[in-house]
Amino acid sequence: MGVFTDQDYTTQLRPDAELLKTDDPFDPNHPKFSNSKFWGPAAALGKIVKYGHKMKWHNLGPGHVQLRLCVVILQKCAYICNSYVKDDKADAREMARVWIKIQKIEDGTFVYGGKL
């Protein structure tokens, strides 16, 4: 069973992810970015992860899951890192991995998967 439907992707997930896409340097002016239920800082081990953020969707798909998308904003660019279904273990693990992803972006050793 899929985590989300094609309709979820086309009506919610893709349009929200495209809010990160700008021709100018990244600047999240859309009102959704001021909604803490949609956008928030990444936190691991009780600390805010510098440059780390997450997009959040609730009750998504047939299983009504909470989906998270890790985003790193560095050097005025938004890097979409990974997504996961939230549970206590996954949330802690994925937030800790954001630190590694930030370091790879900073030192240029990340894998570039394309542009929105």
PDB file of N, CA and C in Angstrom:
ATOM      1  N   MET A   1       0.836  -1.178   0.000  1.00  0.00           N
ATOM      2  CA  MET A   1       0.000   0.000   0.000  1.00  0.00           C
ATOM      3  C   MET A   1       0.883   1.244   0.000  1.00  0.00           C
ATOM      4  N   GLY A   2       0.558   2.219  -0.829  1.00  0.00           N
ATOM      5  CA  GLY A   2       1.330   3.444  -0.919  1.00  0.00           C
ATOM      6  C   GLY A   2       1.057   4.380   0.252  1.00  0.00           C
ATOM      7  N   VAL A   3       2.027   5.196   0.534  1.00  0.00           N
ATOM      8  CA  VAL A   3       1.904   6.158   1.626  1.00  0.00           C
ATOM      9  C   VAL A   3       0.964   7.290   1.231  1.00  0.00           C
ATOM     10  N   PHE A   4       1.011   7.684  -0.045  1.00  0.00           N
ATOM     11  CA  PHE A   4       0.128   8.732  -0.521  1.00  0.00           C
ATOM     12  C   PHE A   4      -0.358   8.378  -1.913  1.00  0.00           C
ATOM     13  N   THR A   5      -1.453   8.998  -2.322  1.00  0.00           N
ATOM     14  CA  THR A   5      -2.055   8.721  -3.621  1.00  0.00           C
ATOM     15  C   THR A   5      -1.498   9.668  -4.685  1.00  0.00           C
ATOM     16  N   ASP A   6      -1.770   9.358  -5.928  1.00  0.00           N
ATOM     17  CA  ASP A   6      -1.384  10.255  -7.021  1.00  0.00           C
ATOM     18  C   ASP A   6      -2.034  11.627  -6.838  1.00  0.00           C
ATOM     19  N   GLN A   7      -3.271  11.632  -6.360  1.00  0.00           N
ATOM     20  CA  GLN A   7      -3.965  12.897  -6.140  1.00  0.00           C
ATOM     21  C   GLN A   7      -3.289  13.707  -5.022  1.00  0.00           C
ATOM     22  N   ASP A   8      -2.855  13.018  -3.951  1.00  0.00           N
ATOM     23  CA  ASP A   8      -2.112  13.715  -2.888  1.00  0.00           C
ATOM     24  C   ASP A   8      -0.869  14.366  -3.473  1.00  0.00           C
ATOM     25  N   TYR A   9      -0.184  13.637  -4.340  1.00  0.00           N
ATOM     26  CA  TYR A   9       1.054  14.154  -4.938  1.00  0.00           C
ATOM     27  C   TYR A   9       0.777  15.389  -5.785  1.00  0.00           C
ATOM     28  N   THR A  10      -0.225  15.301  -6.661  1.00  0.00           N
ATOM     29  CA  THR A  10      -0.461  16.411  -7.593  1.00  0.00           C
ATOM     30  C   THR A  10      -1.138  17.612  -6.954  1.00  0.00           C
ATOM     31  N   THR A  11      -1.944  17.378  -5.905  1.00  0.00           N
ATOM     32  CA  THR A  11      -2.675  18.507  -5.319  1.00  0.00           C
ATOM     33  C   THR A  11      -2.016  19.094  -4.076  1.00  0.00           C
ATOM     34  N   GLN A  12      -1.180  18.302  -3.374  1.00  0.00           N
ATOM     35  CA  GLN A  12      -0.580  18.795  -2.143  1.00  0.00           C
ATOM     36  C   GLN A  12       0.944  18.781  -2.178  1.00  0.00           C
ATOM     37  N   LEU A  13       1.515  17.603  -2.344  1.00  0.00           N
ATOM     38  CA  LEU A  13       2.955  17.450  -2.157  1.00  0.00           C
ATOM     39  C   LEU A  13       3.780  18.228  -3.168  1.00  0.00           C
ATOM     40  N   ARG A  14       3.523  18.030  -4.433  1.00  0.00           N
ATOM     41  CA  ARG A  14       4.307  18.710  -5.470  1.00  0.00           C
ATOM     42  C   ARG A  14       4.152  20.230  -5.401  1.00  0.00           C
ATOM     43  N   PRO A  15       2.908  20.750  -5.322  1.00  0.00           N
ATOM     44  CA  PRO A  15       2.784  22.219  -5.223  1.00  0.00           C
ATOM     45  C   PRO A  15       3.485  22.791  -3.995  1.00  0.00           C
ATOM     46  N   ASP A  16       3.410  22.083  -2.871  1.00  0.00           N
ATOM     47  CA  ASP A  16       4.091  22.579  -1.673  1.00  0.00           C
ATOM     48  C   ASP A  16       5.602  22.547  -1.844  1.00  0.00           C
ATOM     49  N   ALA A  17       6.137  21.477  -2.411  1.00  0.00           N
ATOM     50  CA  ALA A  17       7.586  21.397  -2.640  1.00  0.00           C
ATOM     51  C   ALA A  17       8.034  22.476  -3.618  1.00  0.00           C
ATOM     52  N   GLU A  18       7.196  22.802  -4.582  1.00  0.00           N
ATOM     53  CA  GLU A  18       7.562  23.831  -5.556  1.00  0.00           C
ATOM     54  C   GLU A  18       7.594  25.231  -4.952  1.00  0.00           C
ATOM     55  N   LEU A  19       7.066  25.387  -3.738  1.00  0.00           N
ATOM     56  CA  LEU A  19       7.200  26.673  -3.056  1.00  0.00           C
ATOM     57  C   LEU A  19       8.662  26.971  -2.752  1.00  0.00           C
ATOM     58  N   LEU A  20       9.483  25.934  -2.735  1.00  0.00           N
ATOM     59  CA  LEU A  20      10.915  26.097  -2.488  1.00  0.00           C
ATOM     60  C   LEU A  20      11.657  26.574  -3.733  1.00  0.00           C
ATOM     61  N   LYS A  21      10.991  26.485  -4.871  1.00  0.00           N
ATOM     62  CA  LYS A  21      11.623  26.817  -6.143  1.00  0.00           C
ATOM     63  C   LYS A  21      11.435  28.292  -6.450  1.00  0.00           C
ATOM     64  N   THR A  22      12.545  28.973  -6.646  1.00  0.00           N
ATOM     65  CA  THR A  22      12.489  30.372  -7.069  1.00  0.00           C
ATOM     66  C   THR A  22      13.613  30.615  -8.065  1.00  0.00           C
ATOM     67  N   ASP A  23      13.436  31.612  -8.885  1.00  0.00           N
ATOM     68  CA  ASP A  23      14.508  32.000  -9.798  1.00  0.00           C
ATOM     69  C   ASP A  23      15.535  32.860  -9.069  1.00  0.00           C
ATOM     70  N   ASP A  24      15.072  33.563  -8.050  1.00  0.00           N
ATOM     71  CA  ASP A  24      15.958  34.377  -7.225  1.00  0.00           C
ATOM     72  C   ASP A  24      16.496  33.512  -6.092  1.00  0.00           C
ATOM     73  N   PRO A  25      17.438  34.012  -5.326  1.00  0.00           N
ATOM     74  CA  PRO A  25      17.880  33.249  -4.155  1.00  0.00           C
ATOM     75  C   PRO A  25      16.691  32.907  -3.265  1.00  0.00           C
ATOM     76  N   PHE A  26      16.729  31.744  -2.658  1.00  0.00           N
ATOM     77  CA  PHE A  26      15.608  31.244  -1.873  1.00  0.00           C
ATOM     78  C   PHE A  26      15.157  32.244  -0.804  1.00  0.00           C
ATOM     79  N   ASP A  27      13.873  32.516  -0.759  1.00  0.00           N
ATOM     80  CA  ASP A  27      13.281  33.399   0.237  1.00  0.00           C
ATOM     81  C   ASP A  27      11.838  32.945   0.460  1.00  0.00           C
ATOM     82  N   PRO A  28      11.574  32.234   1.555  1.00  0.00           N
ATOM     83  CA  PRO A  28      10.234  31.667   1.753  1.00  0.00           C
ATOM     84  C   PRO A  28       9.198  32.711   2.178  1.00  0.00           C
ATOM     85  N   ASN A  29       8.639  33.424   1.217  1.00  0.00           N
ATOM     86  CA  ASN A  29       7.658  34.465   1.512  1.00  0.00           C
ATOM     87  C   ASN A  29       6.227  33.947   1.573  1.00  0.00           C
ATOM     88  N   HIS A  30       5.973  32.757   1.076  1.00  0.00           N
ATOM     89  CA  HIS A  30       4.614  32.222   1.047  1.00  0.00           C
ATOM     90  C   HIS A  30       4.078  32.084   2.474  1.00  0.00           C
ATOM     91  N   PRO A  31       2.793  32.399   2.688  1.00  0.00           N
ATOM     92  CA  PRO A  31       2.216  32.302   4.033  1.00  0.00           C
ATOM     93  C   PRO A  31       2.343  30.923   4.679  1.00  0.00           C
ATOM     94  N   LYS A  32       2.423  29.862   3.884  1.00  0.00           N
ATOM     95  CA  LYS A  32       2.550  28.522   4.463  1.00  0.00           C
ATOM     96  C   LYS A  32       3.812  28.389   5.310  1.00  0.00           C
ATOM     97  N   PHE A  33       4.855  29.134   4.960  1.00  0.00           N
ATOM     98  CA  PHE A  33       6.113  29.025   5.701  1.00  0.00           C
ATOM     99  C   PHE A  33       6.031  29.646   7.099  1.00  0.00           C
ATOM    100  N   SER A  34       4.983  30.408   7.374  1.00  0.00           N
ATOM    101  CA  SER A  34       4.809  30.934   8.725  1.00  0.00           C
ATOM    102  C   SER A  34       3.875  30.056   9.561  1.00  0.00           C
ATOM    103  N   ASN A  35       3.386  28.966   8.966  1.00  0.00           N
ATOM    104  CA  ASN A  35       2.503  28.032   9.662  1.00  0.00           C
ATOM    105  C   ASN A  35       3.345  26.899  10.254  1.00  0.00           C
ATOM    106  N   SER A  36       3.432  26.842  11.574  1.00  0.00           N
ATOM    107  CA  SER A  36       4.285  25.841  12.232  1.00  0.00           C
ATOM    108  C   SER A  36       3.773  24.415  12.043  1.00  0.00           C
ATOM    109  N   LYS A  37       2.535  24.242  11.619  1.00  0.00           N
ATOM    110  CA  LYS A  37       2.032  22.890  11.345  1.00  0.00           C
ATOM    111  C   LYS A  37       2.467  22.407   9.959  1.00  0.00           C
ATOM    112  N   PHE A  38       2.974  23.314   9.137  1.00  0.00           N
ATOM    113  CA  PHE A  38       3.448  22.959   7.800  1.00  0.00           C
ATOM    114  C   PHE A  38       4.971  23.019   7.688  1.00  0.00           C
ATOM    115  N   TRP A  39       5.597  23.972   8.347  1.00  0.00           N
ATOM    116  CA  TRP A  39       7.032  24.242   8.167  1.00  0.00           C
ATOM    117  C   TRP A  39       7.654  24.473   9.534  1.00  0.00           C
ATOM    118  N   GLY A  40       8.786  23.843   9.773  1.00  0.00           N
ATOM    119  CA  GLY A  40       9.439  24.057  11.051  1.00  0.00           C
ATOM    120  C   GLY A  40      10.908  23.707  10.995  1.00  0.00           C
ATOM    121  N   PRO A  41      11.612  24.029  12.050  1.00  0.00           N
ATOM    122  CA  PRO A  41      13.042  23.722  12.102  1.00  0.00           C
ATOM    123  C   PRO A  41      13.272  22.234  12.338  1.00  0.00           C
ATOM    124  N   ALA A  42      14.371  21.746  11.830  1.00  0.00           N
ATOM    125  CA  ALA A  42      14.787  20.383  12.139  1.00  0.00           C
ATOM    126  C   ALA A  42      15.424  20.423  13.522  1.00  0.00           C
ATOM    127  N   ALA A  43      15.134  19.424  14.321  1.00  0.00           N
ATOM    128  CA  ALA A  43      15.723  19.343  15.658  1.00  0.00           C
ATOM    129  C   ALA A  43      16.169  17.916  15.908  1.00  0.00           C
ATOM    130  N   ALA A  44      17.356  17.775  16.458  1.00  0.00           N
ATOM    131  CA  ALA A  44      17.889  16.451  16.785  1.00  0.00           C
ATOM    132  C   ALA A  44      18.556  16.524  18.144  1.00  0.00           C
ATOM    133  N   LEU A  45      18.309  15.524  18.958  1.00  0.00           N
ATOM    134  CA  LEU A  45      18.886  15.451  20.301  1.00  0.00           C
ATOM    135  C   LEU A  45      18.577  16.712  21.105  1.00  0.00           C
ATOM    136  N   GLY A  46      17.383  17.250  20.897  1.00  0.00           N
ATOM    137  CA  GLY A  46      16.954  18.423  21.643  1.00  0.00           C
ATOM    138  C   GLY A  46      17.525  19.743  21.171  1.00  0.00           C
ATOM    139  N   LYS A  47      18.261  19.734  20.051  1.00  0.00           N
ATOM    140  CA  LYS A  47      18.862  20.963  19.527  1.00  0.00           C
ATOM    141  C   LYS A  47      18.322  21.255  18.134  1.00  0.00           C
ATOM    142  N   ILE A  48      18.163  22.537  17.858  1.00  0.00           N
ATOM    143  CA  ILE A  48      17.783  22.964  16.509  1.00  0.00           C
ATOM    144  C   ILE A  48      18.982  22.734  15.598  1.00  0.00           C
ATOM    145  N   VAL A  49      18.730  22.136  14.438  1.00  0.00           N
ATOM    146  CA  VAL A  49      19.788  21.877  13.470  1.00  0.00           C
ATOM    147  C   VAL A  49      19.919  23.107  12.570  1.00  0.00           C
ATOM    148  N   LYS A  50      21.052  23.791  12.661  1.00  0.00           N
ATOM    149  CA  LYS A  50      21.281  24.983  11.854  1.00  0.00           C
ATOM    150  C   LYS A  50      21.159  24.627  10.375  1.00  0.00           C
ATOM    151  N   TYR A  51      20.404  25.397   9.631  1.00  0.00           N
ATOM    152  CA  TYR A  51      20.117  25.243   8.202  1.00  0.00           C
ATOM    153  C   TYR A  51      19.085  24.152   7.907  1.00  0.00           C
ATOM    154  N   GLY A  52      18.684  23.365   8.900  1.00  0.00           N
ATOM    155  CA  GLY A  52      17.757  22.258   8.678  1.00  0.00           C
ATOM    156  C   GLY A  52      16.312  22.648   8.947  1.00  0.00           C
ATOM    157  N   HIS A  53      15.429  22.188   8.064  1.00  0.00           N
ATOM    158  CA  HIS A  53      14.001  22.470   8.160  1.00  0.00           C
ATOM    159  C   HIS A  53      13.232  21.229   7.756  1.00  0.00           C
ATOM    160  N   LYS A  54      11.924  21.251   8.018  1.00  0.00           N
ATOM    161  CA  LYS A  54      11.089  20.165   7.531  1.00  0.00           C
ATOM    162  C   LYS A  54       9.715  20.693   7.156  1.00  0.00           C
ATOM    163  N   MET A  55       9.206  20.122   6.056  1.00  0.00           N
ATOM    164  CA  MET A  55       7.829  20.356   5.646  1.00  0.00           C
ATOM    165  C   MET A  55       7.029  19.216   6.246  1.00  0.00           C
ATOM    166  N   LYS A  56       5.776  19.517   6.622  1.00  0.00           N
ATOM    167  CA  LYS A  56       4.976  18.518   7.317  1.00  0.00           C
ATOM    168  C   LYS A  56       3.588  18.423   6.689  1.00  0.00           C
ATOM    169  N   TRP A  57       3.152  17.199   6.475  1.00  0.00           N
ATOM    170  CA  TRP A  57       1.791  16.937   6.028  1.00  0.00           C
ATOM    171  C   TRP A  57       1.166  15.946   7.003  1.00  0.00           C
ATOM    172  N   HIS A  58      -0.102  16.175   7.346  1.00  0.00           N
ATOM    173  CA  HIS A  58      -0.795  15.352   8.328  1.00  0.00           C
ATOM    174  C   HIS A  58      -1.954  14.599   7.675  1.00  0.00           C
ATOM    175  N   ASN A  59      -2.226  13.395   8.168  1.00  0.00           N
ATOM    176  CA  ASN A  59      -3.350  12.573   7.693  1.00  0.00           C
ATOM    177  C   ASN A  59      -3.325  12.406   6.180  1.00  0.00           C
ATOM    178  N   LEU A  60      -2.184  12.030   5.667  1.00  0.00           N
ATOM    179  CA  LEU A  60      -1.984  11.915   4.223  1.00  0.00           C
ATOM    180  C   LEU A  60      -2.192  10.473   3.764  1.00  0.00           C
ATOM    181  N   GLY A  61      -2.826  10.336   2.628  1.00  0.00           N
ATOM    182  CA  GLY A  61      -2.971   9.033   2.010  1.00  0.00           C
ATOM    183  C   GLY A  61      -3.963   8.122   2.704  1.00  0.00           C
ATOM    184  N   PRO A  62      -4.058   6.895   2.193  1.00  0.00           N
ATOM    185  CA  PRO A  62      -5.034   5.954   2.735  1.00  0.00           C
ATOM    186  C   PRO A  62      -4.738   5.547   4.183  1.00  0.00           C
ATOM    187  N   GLY A  63      -3.486   5.634   4.602  1.00  0.00           N
ATOM    188  CA  GLY A  63      -3.133   5.272   5.974  1.00  0.00           C
ATOM    189  C   GLY A  63      -3.148   6.441   6.933  1.00  0.00           C
ATOM    190  N   HIS A  64      -3.490   7.630   6.437  1.00  0.00           N
ATOM    191  CA  HIS A  64      -3.527   8.845   7.250  1.00  0.00           C
ATOM    192  C   HIS A  64      -2.221   9.045   8.024  1.00  0.00           C
ATOM    193  N   VAL A  65      -1.119   8.993   7.295  1.00  0.00           N
ATOM    194  CA  VAL A  65       0.208   9.113   7.909  1.00  0.00           C
ATOM    195  C   VAL A  65       0.627  10.580   8.007  1.00  0.00           C
ATOM    196  N   GLN A  66       1.656  10.791   8.803  1.00  0.00           N
ATOM    197  CA  GLN A  66       2.291  12.097   8.870  1.00  0.00           C
ATOM    198  C   GLN A  66       3.574  11.996   8.051  1.00  0.00           C
ATOM    199  N   LEU A  67       3.628  12.729   6.956  1.00  0.00           N
ATOM    200  CA  LEU A  67       4.784  12.703   6.064  1.00  0.00           C
ATOM    201  C   LEU A  67       5.650  13.923   6.331  1.00  0.00           C
ATOM    202  N   ARG A  68       6.956  13.726   6.332  1.00  0.00           N
ATOM    203  CA  ARG A  68       7.907  14.808   6.538  1.00  0.00           C
ATOM    204  C   ARG A  68       8.878  14.870   5.366  1.00  0.00           C
ATOM    205  N   LEU A  69       9.277  16.073   5.003  1.00  0.00           N
ATOM    206  CA  LEU A  69      10.263  16.298   3.957  1.00  0.00           C
ATOM    207  C   LEU A  69      11.368  17.155   4.543  1.00  0.00           C
ATOM    208  N   CYS A  70      12.582  16.613   4.585  1.00  0.00           N
ATOM    209  CA  CYS A  70      13.731  17.341   5.131  1.00  0.00           C
ATOM    210  C   CYS A  70      14.271  18.292   4.069  1.00  0.00           C
ATOM    211  N   VAL A  71      14.497  19.530   4.480  1.00  0.00           N
ATOM    212  CA  VAL A  71      14.989  20.569   3.578  1.00  0.00           C
ATOM    213  C   VAL A  71      16.160  21.270   4.261  1.00  0.00           C
ATOM    214  N   VAL A  72      17.217  21.493   3.503  1.00  0.00           N
ATOM    215  CA  VAL A  72      18.359  22.261   4.003  1.00  0.00           C
ATOM    216  C   VAL A  72      18.401  23.564   3.212  1.00  0.00           C
ATOM    217  N   ILE A  73      18.463  24.669   3.917  1.00  0.00           N
ATOM    218  CA  ILE A  73      18.581  25.971   3.256  1.00  0.00           C
ATOM    219  C   ILE A  73      19.961  26.500   3.594  1.00  0.00           C
ATOM    220  N   LEU A  74      20.793  26.562   2.574  1.00  0.00           N
ATOM    221  CA  LEU A  74      22.181  26.947   2.750  1.00  0.00           C
ATOM    222  C   LEU A  74      22.623  27.729   1.527  1.00  0.00           C
ATOM    223  N   GLN A  75      23.329  28.792   1.743  1.00  0.00           N
ATOM    224  CA  GLN A  75      23.840  29.620   0.655  1.00  0.00           C
ATOM    225  C   GLN A  75      22.707  30.089  -0.262  1.00  0.00           C
ATOM    226  N   LYS A  76      21.582  30.449   0.359  1.00  0.00           N
ATOM    227  CA  LYS A  76      20.401  30.963  -0.330  1.00  0.00           C
ATOM    228  C   LYS A  76      19.814  29.975  -1.335  1.00  0.00           C
ATOM    229  N   CYS A  77      20.037  28.694  -1.102  1.00  0.00           N
ATOM    230  CA  CYS A  77      19.452  27.633  -1.924  1.00  0.00           C
ATOM    231  C   CYS A  77      18.724  26.649  -1.015  1.00  0.00           C
ATOM    232  N   ALA A  78      17.653  26.070  -1.534  1.00  0.00           N
ATOM    233  CA  ALA A  78      16.920  25.042  -0.798  1.00  0.00           C
ATOM    234  C   ALA A  78      17.289  23.688  -1.389  1.00  0.00           C
ATOM    235  N   TYR A  79      17.740  22.790  -0.542  1.00  0.00           N
ATOM    236  CA  TYR A  79      18.099  21.431  -0.936  1.00  0.00           C
ATOM    237  C   TYR A  79      17.083  20.475  -0.324  1.00  0.00           C
ATOM    238  N   ILE A  80      16.344  19.769  -1.173  1.00  0.00           N
ATOM    239  CA  ILE A  80      15.400  18.772  -0.685  1.00  0.00           C
ATOM    240  C   ILE A  80      16.204  17.505  -0.442  1.00  0.00           C
ATOM    241  N   CYS A  81      16.179  17.029   0.792  1.00  0.00           N
ATOM    242  CA  CYS A  81      17.051  15.916   1.160  1.00  0.00           C
ATOM    243  C   CYS A  81      16.349  14.562   1.126  1.00  0.00           C
ATOM    244  N   ASN A  82      15.329  14.381   1.902  1.00  0.00           N
ATOM    245  CA  ASN A  82      14.635  13.102   1.942  1.00  0.00           C
ATOM    246  C   ASN A  82      13.281  13.281   2.606  1.00  0.00           C
ATOM    247  N   SER A  83      12.434  12.295   2.415  1.00  0.00           N
ATOM    248  CA  SER A  83      11.136  12.304   3.075  1.00  0.00           C
ATOM    249  C   SER A  83      10.992  11.008   3.863  1.00  0.00           C
ATOM    250  N   TYR A  84      10.091  11.038   4.827  1.00  0.00           N
ATOM    251  CA  TYR A  84       9.853   9.850   5.642  1.00  0.00           C
ATOM    252  C   TYR A  84       8.492   9.962   6.309  1.00  0.00           C
ATOM    253  N   VAL A  85       7.967   8.813   6.695  1.00  0.00           N
ATOM    254  CA  VAL A  85       6.737   8.763   7.463  1.00  0.00           C
ATOM    255  C   VAL A  85       7.129   8.907   8.925  1.00  0.00           C
ATOM    256  N   LYS A  86       6.516   9.864   9.594  1.00  0.00           N
ATOM    257  CA  LYS A  86       6.897  10.167  10.971  1.00  0.00           C
ATOM    258  C   LYS A  86       6.426   9.081  11.934  1.00  0.00           C
ATOM    259  N   ASP A  87       7.343   8.647  12.750  1.00  0.00           N
ATOM    260  CA  ASP A  87       7.073   7.924  13.986  1.00  0.00           C
ATOM    261  C   ASP A  87       8.226   8.305  14.910  1.00  0.00           C
ATOM    262  N   ASP A  88       8.164   7.930  16.162  1.00  0.00           N
ATOM    263  CA  ASP A  88       9.169   8.402  17.124  1.00  0.00           C
ATOM    264  C   ASP A  88      10.600   8.052  16.703  1.00  0.00           C
ATOM    265  N   LYS A  89      10.824   6.819  16.271  1.00  0.00           N
ATOM    266  CA  LYS A  89      12.178   6.400  15.904  1.00  0.00           C
ATOM    267  C   LYS A  89      12.628   7.046  14.600  1.00  0.00           C
ATOM    268  N   ALA A  90      11.754   7.063  13.607  1.00  0.00           N
ATOM    269  CA  ALA A  90      12.129   7.628  12.303  1.00  0.00           C
ATOM    270  C   ALA A  90      12.415   9.117  12.421  1.00  0.00           C
ATOM    271  N   ASP A  91      11.630   9.820  13.194  1.00  0.00           N
ATOM    272  CA  ASP A  91      11.809  11.264  13.313  1.00  0.00           C
ATOM    273  C   ASP A  91      13.179  11.589  13.910  1.00  0.00           C
ATOM    274  N   ALA A  92      13.544  10.925  14.972  1.00  0.00           N
ATOM    275  CA  ALA A  92      14.850  11.168  15.606  1.00  0.00           C
ATOM    276  C   ALA A  92      15.990  10.795  14.668  1.00  0.00           C
ATOM    277  N   ARG A  93      15.873   9.654  14.003  1.00  0.00           N
ATOM    278  CA  ARG A  93      16.922   9.177  13.100  1.00  0.00           C
ATOM    279  C   ARG A  93      17.100  10.127  11.916  1.00  0.00           C
ATOM    280  N   GLU A  94      16.011  10.505  11.282  1.00  0.00           N
ATOM    281  CA  GLU A  94      16.094  11.362  10.093  1.00  0.00           C
ATOM    282  C   GLU A  94      16.574  12.761  10.432  1.00  0.00           C
ATOM    283  N   MET A  95      16.168  13.277  11.571  1.00  0.00           N
ATOM    284  CA  MET A  95      16.636  14.598  11.975  1.00  0.00           C
ATOM    285  C   MET A  95      18.141  14.574  12.255  1.00  0.00           C
ATOM    286  N   ALA A  96      18.633  13.488  12.833  1.00  0.00           N
ATOM    287  CA  ALA A  96      20.076  13.366  13.067  1.00  0.00           C
ATOM    288  C   ALA A  96      20.830  13.266  11.734  1.00  0.00           C
ATOM    289  N   ARG A  97      20.233  12.623  10.760  1.00  0.00           N
ATOM    290  CA  ARG A  97      20.876  12.499   9.443  1.00  0.00           C
ATOM    291  C   ARG A  97      20.988  13.825   8.720  1.00  0.00           C
ATOM    292  N   VAL A  98      20.130  14.781   9.077  1.00  0.00           N
ATOM    293  CA  VAL A  98      20.190  16.099   8.437  1.00  0.00           C
ATOM    294  C   VAL A  98      21.549  16.739   8.677  1.00  0.00           C
ATOM    295  N   TRP A  99      22.125  16.542   9.872  1.00  0.00           N
ATOM    296  CA  TRP A  99      23.459  17.087  10.150  1.00  0.00           C
ATOM    297  C   TRP A  99      24.479  16.589   9.128  1.00  0.00           C
ATOM    298  N   ILE A 100      24.435  15.308   8.817  1.00  0.00           N
ATOM    299  CA  ILE A 100      25.364  14.727   7.837  1.00  0.00           C
ATOM    300  C   ILE A 100      25.116  15.333   6.463  1.00  0.00           C
ATOM    301  N   LYS A 101      23.857  15.473   6.100  1.00  0.00           N
ATOM    302  CA  LYS A 101      23.528  16.037   4.788  1.00  0.00           C
ATOM    303  C   LYS A 101      24.017  17.477   4.667  1.00  0.00           C
ATOM    304  N   ILE A 102      23.890  18.248   5.736  1.00  0.00           N
ATOM    305  CA  ILE A 102      24.363  19.632   5.715  1.00  0.00           C
ATOM    306  C   ILE A 102      25.869  19.669   5.501  1.00  0.00           C
ATOM    307  N   GLN A 103      26.584  18.820   6.206  1.00  0.00           N
ATOM    308  CA  GLN A 103      28.041  18.787   6.036  1.00  0.00           C
ATOM    309  C   GLN A 103      28.417  18.423   4.607  1.00  0.00           C
ATOM    310  N   LYS A 104      27.707  17.465   4.015  1.00  0.00           N
ATOM    311  CA  LYS A 104      28.004  17.079   2.626  1.00  0.00           C
ATOM    312  C   LYS A 104      27.702  18.216   1.653  1.00  0.00           C
ATOM    313  N   ILE A 105      26.637  18.967   1.911  1.00  0.00           N
ATOM    314  CA  ILE A 105      26.328  20.115   1.057  1.00  0.00           C
ATOM    315  C   ILE A 105      27.417  21.171   1.205  1.00  0.00           C
ATOM    316  N   GLU A 106      27.822  21.441   2.442  1.00  0.00           N
ATOM    317  CA  GLU A 106      28.847  22.462   2.686  1.00  0.00           C
ATOM    318  C   GLU A 106      30.180  22.110   2.029  1.00  0.00           C
ATOM    319  N   ASP A 107      30.555  20.834   2.061  1.00  0.00           N
ATOM    320  CA  ASP A 107      31.859  20.485   1.484  1.00  0.00           C
ATOM    321  C   ASP A 107      31.774  19.996   0.035  1.00  0.00           C
ATOM    322  N   GLY A 108      30.564  20.030  -0.540  1.00  0.00           N
ATOM    323  CA  GLY A 108      30.421  19.704  -1.961  1.00  0.00           C
ATOM    324  C   GLY A 108      30.454  18.231  -2.298  1.00  0.00           C
ATOM    325  N   THR A 109      30.242  17.350  -1.315  1.00  0.00           N
ATOM    326  CA  THR A 109      30.297  15.914  -1.586  1.00  0.00           C
ATOM    327  C   THR A 109      28.909  15.290  -1.662  1.00  0.00           C
ATOM    328  N   PHE A 110      27.871  16.111  -1.775  1.00  0.00           N
ATOM    329  CA  PHE A 110      26.511  15.572  -1.878  1.00  0.00           C
ATOM    330  C   PHE A 110      26.236  15.127  -3.316  1.00  0.00           C
ATOM    331  N   VAL A 111      25.236  14.285  -3.475  1.00  0.00           N
ATOM    332  CA  VAL A 111      24.826  13.814  -4.803  1.00  0.00           C
ATOM    333  C   VAL A 111      23.681  14.711  -5.281  1.00  0.00           C
ATOM    334  N   TYR A 112      23.884  15.359  -6.406  1.00  0.00           N
ATOM    335  CA  TYR A 112      22.885  16.252  -6.979  1.00  0.00           C
ATOM    336  C   TYR A 112      21.901  15.415  -7.777  1.00  0.00           C
ATOM    337  N   GLY A 113      20.613  15.447  -7.403  1.00  0.00           N
ATOM    338  CA  GLY A 113      19.618  14.622  -8.064  1.00  0.00           C
ATOM    339  C   GLY A 113      18.763  15.357  -9.053  1.00  0.00           C
ATOM    340  N   GLY A 114      18.938  16.646  -9.222  1.00  0.00           N
ATOM    341  CA  GLY A 114      18.140  17.408 -10.183  1.00  0.00           C
ATOM    342  C   GLY A 114      17.558  18.662  -9.569  1.00  0.00           C
ATOM    343  N   LYS A 115      16.825  19.380 -10.379  1.00  0.00           N
ATOM    344  CA  LYS A 115      16.272  20.671  -9.983  1.00  0.00           C
ATOM    345  C   LYS A 115      14.769  20.642 -10.173  1.00  0.00           C
ATOM    346  N   LEU A 116      14.042  21.275  -9.258  1.00  0.00           N
ATOM    347  CA  LEU A 116      12.589  21.382  -9.395  1.00  0.00           C
ATOM    348  C   LEU A 116      12.234  22.250 -10.571  1.00  0.00           C
TER     349      LEU A 116
END
